[in-house]
Amino acid sequence: MLYVSFWAIVLSNLPGGSFTKRTLSDGESAELVSTARKQEKLAGVSASDLFAPYAKRNYDLHMEICQALGRRGIEFSMKDFSSGDYCTPITLARVGRGSSMMVVDCNYELNSEAQSRAPATTQRGIERPPDLLRLATDTLRCYLFEATPQ
């Protein structure tokens, strides 16, 4: 099983023994995701329920990273986070025998275009400021966590 998380990892994901963390190239990341998908062993996990109405911003951020990964040849979509009617919780992911976890990390930068835009109005009529940060796509990195055989 290959679990994929954007930004987050929790202690319960890691084995009690030793594990390794290594940086993946775009090609290695693309191959891992593609192979896991073909074997039906790919699961996107998240600390928040991306499909809940209150998590729209998190959903949008995940979508943005999916698109940026796609431009780098790593095909990943929001469907990969779905287990039927809900988002797979990060706490269900376990690094161990036969499973690993890829964590996609990145930085954000100031969005100069947002400063000139008016606030957006939500469905409830509340003004929300424009998104002041945007993904710095050149900072995207994929890390693989694997259990070390004992």
Protein backbone atom coordinates (compact mmCIF):
# COMPACT_ATOMS: atom_id res chain seq x y z
CA MET A 1 0.00 0.00 0.00
CA LEU A 2 1.24 3.49 -0.83
CA TYR A 3 -0.28 6.20 1.32
CA VAL A 4 0.10 9.78 0.07
CA SER A 5 -0.27 12.84 2.27
CA PHE A 6 0.18 16.50 1.47
CA TRP A 7 2.25 18.25 4.17
CA ALA A 8 1.29 16.07 7.13
CA ILE A 9 2.52 12.98 8.88
CA VAL A 10 1.51 11.87 12.36
CA LEU A 11 3.42 9.70 14.79
CA SER A 12 0.88 6.88 14.52
CA ASN A 13 1.82 6.57 10.81
CA LEU A 14 5.34 5.46 11.68
CA PRO A 15 6.44 2.02 12.84
CA GLY A 16 7.67 1.36 16.37
CA GLY A 17 11.08 0.30 15.07
CA SER A 18 13.35 1.92 12.56
CA PHE A 19 12.27 3.66 9.39
CA THR A 20 13.86 5.60 6.57
CA LYS A 21 12.95 8.86 4.91
CA ARG A 22 14.31 9.69 1.50
CA THR A 23 13.73 12.39 -1.08
CA LEU A 24 12.22 11.16 -4.35
CA SER A 25 12.79 12.51 -7.83
CA ASP A 26 9.75 13.41 -9.91
CA GLY A 27 10.31 10.24 -11.96
CA GLU A 28 10.48 8.02 -8.87
CA SER A 29 7.36 9.66 -7.43
CA ALA A 30 5.45 9.24 -10.70
CA GLU A 31 6.45 5.57 -10.93
CA LEU A 32 5.47 4.83 -7.32
CA VAL A 33 2.06 6.45 -7.72
CA SER A 34 1.43 4.81 -11.11
CA THR A 35 2.42 1.34 -9.88
CA ALA A 36 0.35 1.64 -6.69
CA ARG A 37 -2.67 2.83 -8.70
CA LYS A 38 -2.39 -0.12 -11.14
CA GLN A 39 -2.19 -2.52 -8.20
CA GLU A 40 -5.11 -0.76 -6.51
CA LYS A 41 -2.85 0.01 -3.54
CA LEU A 42 -2.94 3.82 -3.58
CA ALA A 43 -4.63 5.84 -0.85
CA GLY A 44 -4.50 9.59 -0.39
CA VAL A 45 -4.88 10.50 3.28
CA SER A 46 -5.59 13.82 4.98
CA ALA A 47 -5.76 15.31 8.45
CA SER A 48 -9.02 17.07 7.52
CA ASP A 49 -12.13 15.80 5.74
CA LEU A 50 -11.48 17.37 2.36
CA PHE A 51 -15.03 16.71 1.17
CA ALA A 52 -16.79 18.42 4.07
CA PRO A 53 -18.36 21.82 3.28
CA TYR A 54 -16.28 23.54 5.97
CA ALA A 55 -13.00 22.28 4.41
CA LYS A 56 -13.29 24.07 1.05
CA ARG A 57 -9.97 25.90 1.50
CA ASN A 58 -8.14 22.63 2.30
CA TYR A 59 -9.80 21.01 -0.71
CA ASP A 60 -8.66 23.89 -2.94
CA LEU A 61 -5.08 23.65 -1.62
CA HIS A 62 -5.03 19.89 -2.26
CA MET A 63 -6.42 20.45 -5.75
CA GLU A 64 -3.71 23.03 -6.43
CA ILE A 65 -1.01 20.55 -5.42
CA CYS A 66 -2.59 17.78 -7.55
CA GLN A 67 -2.42 20.09 -10.56
CA ALA A 68 1.18 21.12 -9.83
CA LEU A 69 2.19 17.46 -9.45
CA GLY A 70 0.48 16.68 -12.77
CA ARG A 71 2.56 19.35 -14.50
CA ARG A 72 5.63 17.51 -13.20
CA GLY A 73 4.41 14.14 -14.50
CA ILE A 74 3.08 12.83 -11.19
CA GLU A 75 -0.57 11.97 -11.81
CA PHE A 76 -2.56 12.38 -8.62
CA SER A 77 -6.14 13.57 -8.20
CA MET A 78 -8.68 14.36 -5.53
CA LYS A 79 -10.37 11.02 -6.31
CA ASP A 80 -7.32 9.36 -4.79
CA PHE A 81 -8.32 10.82 -1.39
CA SER A 82 -11.80 9.31 -1.49
CA SER A 83 -12.91 6.12 0.19
CA GLY A 84 -16.46 6.17 -1.04
CA ASP A 85 -18.32 8.96 0.72
CA TYR A 86 -15.50 10.35 2.81
CA CYS A 87 -11.84 11.35 2.80
CA THR A 88 -9.45 8.72 4.15
CA PRO A 89 -8.17 9.95 7.55
CA ILE A 90 -4.40 10.24 7.92
CA THR A 91 -4.54 8.26 11.17
CA LEU A 92 -5.42 5.10 9.22
CA ALA A 93 -2.12 5.14 7.30
CA ARG A 94 0.59 2.81 8.62
CA VAL A 95 4.18 2.55 7.43
CA GLY A 96 5.21 -1.06 7.79
CA ARG A 97 5.66 -4.36 6.04
CA GLY A 98 4.20 -3.91 2.57
CA SER A 99 3.20 -0.27 3.04
CA SER A 100 4.97 3.06 2.74
CA MET A 101 3.99 6.71 2.86
CA MET A 102 4.83 9.46 0.42
CA VAL A 103 4.56 12.95 1.89
CA VAL A 104 4.39 15.87 -0.52
CA ASP A 105 5.73 19.06 1.00
CA CYS A 106 5.96 22.60 -0.35
CA ASN A 107 6.22 26.24 0.55
CA TYR A 108 3.93 29.15 -0.21
CA GLU A 109 4.72 32.67 -1.37
CA LEU A 110 2.86 35.97 -1.30
CA ASN A 111 0.30 36.30 -4.06
CA SER A 112 0.83 39.82 -5.36
CA GLU A 113 -2.27 39.53 -7.59
CA ALA A 114 -4.49 38.93 -4.55
CA GLN A 115 -3.65 42.29 -3.02
CA SER A 116 -5.42 44.10 -5.85
CA ARG A 117 -8.57 41.93 -5.73
CA ALA A 118 -11.65 42.66 -3.68
CA PRO A 119 -12.67 40.27 -0.92
CA ALA A 120 -14.78 37.31 -2.00
CA THR A 121 -18.24 36.85 -0.54
CA THR A 122 -19.08 33.42 0.88
CA GLN A 123 -22.46 31.70 0.59
CA ARG A 124 -23.40 33.14 3.96
CA GLY A 125 -22.62 36.68 2.81
CA ILE A 126 -19.41 36.92 4.82
CA GLU A 127 -16.50 38.67 3.14
CA ARG A 128 -13.37 36.57 2.90
CA PRO A 129 -10.11 38.25 1.92
CA PRO A 130 -8.51 37.07 -1.31
CA ASP A 131 -5.99 34.27 -0.95
CA LEU A 132 -2.81 36.07 0.01
CA LEU A 133 -0.62 33.01 -0.46
CA ARG A 134 -0.04 30.79 -3.45
CA LEU A 135 1.85 27.58 -3.98
CA ALA A 136 5.55 28.03 -4.77
CA THR A 137 5.64 25.17 -7.27
CA ASP A 138 9.44 25.06 -7.42
CA THR A 139 9.49 24.00 -3.75
CA LEU A 140 7.39 20.82 -4.20
CA ARG A 141 9.26 17.82 -2.78
CA CYS A 142 8.18 14.21 -2.34
CA TYR A 143 9.54 12.16 0.55
CA LEU A 144 9.10 8.42 1.05
CA PHE A 145 8.86 6.91 4.52
CA GLU A 146 9.50 3.16 4.71
CA ALA A 147 9.96 0.69 7.56
CA THR A 148 13.48 -0.68 7.92
CA PRO A 149 13.59 -4.51 7.93
CA GLN A 150 14.71 -5.84 11.31
